[in-house]
Amino acid sequence: MDIPDIIGFELAEASKLLVQAGFYISDIKVIAPPGDESGYYDDTYRVIRHVCPGGNNVVLHVCKPL
């Protein structure tokens, strides 16, 4: 199964596309500057990377938009 091209998408839209394609988001990791590691994110954060650890699971790396 190919993961949809979601790099640069807002988390809300990327999540919707992944679910429609049959994937499950197993984790969301926030990429932030040192000292700003709260782990908080919302649907406006942008997907900068995705990792497929196996099966239909996907781990998303997101960052706060500028």
N, C-alpha and C. Protein backbone atom coordinates (compact mmCIF):
# COMPACT_ATOMS: atom_id res chain seq x y z
N MET A 1 0.84 -1.18 0.00
CA MET A 1 0.00 0.00 0.00
C MET A 1 0.88 1.24 0.00
N ASP A 2 0.61 2.17 -0.87
CA ASP A 2 1.38 3.41 -0.94
C ASP A 2 0.74 4.47 -0.06
N ILE A 3 1.58 5.15 0.71
CA ILE A 3 1.10 6.24 1.56
C ILE A 3 0.84 7.45 0.67
N PRO A 4 -0.31 8.11 0.84
CA PRO A 4 -0.58 9.33 0.05
C PRO A 4 0.49 10.39 0.31
N ASP A 5 0.72 11.25 -0.66
CA ASP A 5 1.70 12.33 -0.51
C ASP A 5 1.07 13.42 0.36
N ILE A 6 1.44 13.42 1.64
CA ILE A 6 0.83 14.34 2.61
C ILE A 6 1.83 15.34 3.18
N ILE A 7 3.06 15.33 2.70
CA ILE A 7 4.07 16.25 3.19
C ILE A 7 3.62 17.69 2.89
N GLY A 8 3.64 18.53 3.94
CA GLY A 8 3.23 19.92 3.79
C GLY A 8 1.76 20.16 4.08
N PHE A 9 0.98 19.09 4.21
CA PHE A 9 -0.44 19.23 4.50
C PHE A 9 -0.65 19.55 5.97
N GLU A 10 -1.74 20.24 6.27
CA GLU A 10 -2.14 20.42 7.66
C GLU A 10 -2.54 19.06 8.22
N LEU A 11 -2.34 18.87 9.50
CA LEU A 11 -2.60 17.59 10.14
C LEU A 11 -4.02 17.10 9.91
N ALA A 12 -4.99 17.99 9.98
CA ALA A 12 -6.40 17.60 9.80
C ALA A 12 -6.62 16.98 8.42
N GLU A 13 -6.11 17.61 7.38
CA GLU A 13 -6.30 17.11 6.02
C GLU A 13 -5.49 15.84 5.80
N ALA A 14 -4.26 15.81 6.31
CA ALA A 14 -3.41 14.62 6.16
C ALA A 14 -4.06 13.41 6.83
N SER A 15 -4.61 13.61 8.02
CA SER A 15 -5.27 12.52 8.75
C SER A 15 -6.43 11.97 7.95
N LYS A 16 -7.21 12.87 7.40
CA LYS A 16 -8.37 12.45 6.60
C LYS A 16 -7.94 11.62 5.40
N LEU A 17 -6.90 12.06 4.69
CA LEU A 17 -6.42 11.34 3.52
C LEU A 17 -5.87 9.96 3.89
N LEU A 18 -5.15 9.89 5.01
CA LEU A 18 -4.60 8.61 5.44
C LEU A 18 -5.69 7.61 5.80
N VAL A 19 -6.69 8.06 6.53
CA VAL A 19 -7.80 7.18 6.92
C VAL A 19 -8.55 6.69 5.68
N GLN A 20 -8.78 7.59 4.73
CA GLN A 20 -9.47 7.21 3.50
C GLN A 20 -8.66 6.17 2.71
N ALA A 21 -7.33 6.23 2.83
CA ALA A 21 -6.47 5.28 2.11
C ALA A 21 -6.25 3.98 2.89
N GLY A 22 -6.85 3.88 4.09
CA GLY A 22 -6.77 2.65 4.86
C GLY A 22 -5.63 2.59 5.86
N PHE A 23 -5.05 3.73 6.20
CA PHE A 23 -3.95 3.77 7.16
C PHE A 23 -4.44 4.18 8.55
N TYR A 24 -3.64 3.81 9.56
CA TYR A 24 -3.91 4.14 10.95
C TYR A 24 -2.73 4.97 11.48
N ILE A 25 -3.01 6.14 12.05
CA ILE A 25 -1.95 6.98 12.61
C ILE A 25 -1.64 6.46 14.01
N SER A 26 -0.50 5.79 14.15
CA SER A 26 -0.15 5.17 15.43
C SER A 26 0.53 6.14 16.38
N ASP A 27 1.12 7.23 15.86
CA ASP A 27 1.76 8.21 16.72
C ASP A 27 1.96 9.51 15.95
N ILE A 28 1.97 10.61 16.69
CA ILE A 28 2.27 11.93 16.12
C ILE A 28 3.38 12.53 16.96
N LYS A 29 4.49 12.85 16.31
CA LYS A 29 5.64 13.42 17.01
C LYS A 29 5.78 14.88 16.59
N VAL A 30 5.93 15.75 17.58
CA VAL A 30 6.10 17.18 17.31
C VAL A 30 7.59 17.48 17.20
N ILE A 31 7.97 18.10 16.10
CA ILE A 31 9.34 18.54 15.89
C ILE A 31 9.38 20.03 16.22
N ALA A 32 10.22 20.39 17.20
CA ALA A 32 10.27 21.77 17.68
C ALA A 32 11.70 22.15 18.02
N PRO A 33 11.97 23.45 18.10
CA PRO A 33 13.31 23.89 18.50
C PRO A 33 13.62 23.44 19.93
N PRO A 34 14.91 23.33 20.27
CA PRO A 34 15.28 22.97 21.64
C PRO A 34 14.65 23.95 22.64
N GLY A 35 14.17 23.41 23.73
CA GLY A 35 13.54 24.24 24.76
C GLY A 35 12.05 24.42 24.56
N ASP A 36 11.55 24.06 23.40
CA ASP A 36 10.11 24.19 23.11
C ASP A 36 9.55 22.80 22.82
N GLU A 37 9.69 21.92 23.77
CA GLU A 37 9.33 20.52 23.55
C GLU A 37 8.09 20.12 24.35
N SER A 38 7.03 20.91 24.22
CA SER A 38 5.82 20.65 24.99
C SER A 38 5.07 19.41 24.51
N GLY A 39 5.23 19.07 23.23
CA GLY A 39 4.50 17.94 22.67
C GLY A 39 3.10 18.31 22.22
N TYR A 40 2.70 19.56 22.46
CA TYR A 40 1.36 20.02 22.06
C TYR A 40 1.31 20.21 20.55
N TYR A 41 0.19 19.86 19.97
CA TYR A 41 -0.05 20.12 18.55
C TYR A 41 -1.55 20.27 18.34
N ASP A 42 -1.91 20.86 17.19
CA ASP A 42 -3.32 20.95 16.82
C ASP A 42 -3.44 20.66 15.33
N ASP A 43 -4.64 20.75 14.81
CA ASP A 43 -4.91 20.36 13.42
C ASP A 43 -4.26 21.26 12.38
N THR A 44 -3.72 22.44 12.82
CA THR A 44 -3.07 23.33 11.86
C THR A 44 -1.59 23.05 11.69
N TYR A 45 -1.02 22.18 12.51
CA TYR A 45 0.39 21.82 12.37
C TYR A 45 0.59 21.11 11.03
N ARG A 46 1.77 21.28 10.46
CA ARG A 46 2.06 20.72 9.14
C ARG A 46 2.86 19.43 9.23
N VAL A 47 2.53 18.49 8.35
CA VAL A 47 3.26 17.22 8.29
C VAL A 47 4.58 17.47 7.56
N ILE A 48 5.70 17.10 8.21
CA ILE A 48 7.01 17.28 7.57
C ILE A 48 7.67 15.94 7.23
N ARG A 49 7.14 14.87 7.82
CA ARG A 49 7.69 13.53 7.54
C ARG A 49 6.69 12.48 7.97
N HIS A 50 6.74 11.33 7.32
CA HIS A 50 5.95 10.19 7.78
C HIS A 50 6.81 8.95 7.71
N VAL A 51 6.58 8.06 8.67
CA VAL A 51 7.32 6.81 8.76
C VAL A 51 6.29 5.69 8.84
N CYS A 52 6.52 4.64 8.08
CA CYS A 52 5.62 3.50 8.09
C CYS A 52 6.35 2.33 8.77
N PRO A 53 6.12 2.14 10.10
CA PRO A 53 6.83 1.08 10.82
C PRO A 53 6.39 -0.33 10.45
N GLY A 54 5.29 -0.47 9.78
CA GLY A 54 4.84 -1.79 9.36
C GLY A 54 3.34 -1.84 9.22
N GLY A 55 2.89 -2.69 8.35
CA GLY A 55 1.45 -2.82 8.12
C GLY A 55 0.86 -1.52 7.61
N ASN A 56 -0.29 -1.18 8.18
CA ASN A 56 -0.95 0.06 7.77
C ASN A 56 -0.76 1.17 8.81
N ASN A 57 0.20 0.99 9.72
CA ASN A 57 0.50 2.01 10.74
C ASN A 57 1.39 3.10 10.16
N VAL A 58 1.13 4.34 10.56
CA VAL A 58 1.92 5.48 10.12
C VAL A 58 2.23 6.35 11.33
N VAL A 59 3.49 6.80 11.42
CA VAL A 59 3.90 7.77 12.43
C VAL A 59 4.12 9.09 11.70
N LEU A 60 3.47 10.15 12.16
CA LEU A 60 3.62 11.46 11.54
C LEU A 60 4.53 12.34 12.38
N HIS A 61 5.39 13.09 11.70
CA HIS A 61 6.20 14.11 12.34
C HIS A 61 5.62 15.45 11.87
N VAL A 62 5.26 16.29 12.82
CA VAL A 62 4.63 17.56 12.48
C VAL A 62 5.37 18.72 13.12
N CYS A 63 5.17 19.92 12.57
CA CYS A 63 5.76 21.12 13.14
C CYS A 63 4.74 22.25 13.07
N LYS A 64 4.96 23.24 13.92
CA LYS A 64 4.08 24.40 13.97
C LYS A 64 4.31 25.24 12.71
N PRO A 65 3.22 25.69 12.07
CA PRO A 65 3.39 26.51 10.88
C PRO A 65 3.95 27.89 11.24
N LEU A 66 4.63 28.50 10.28
CA LEU A 66 5.19 29.84 10.52
C LEU A 66 4.13 30.89 10.54
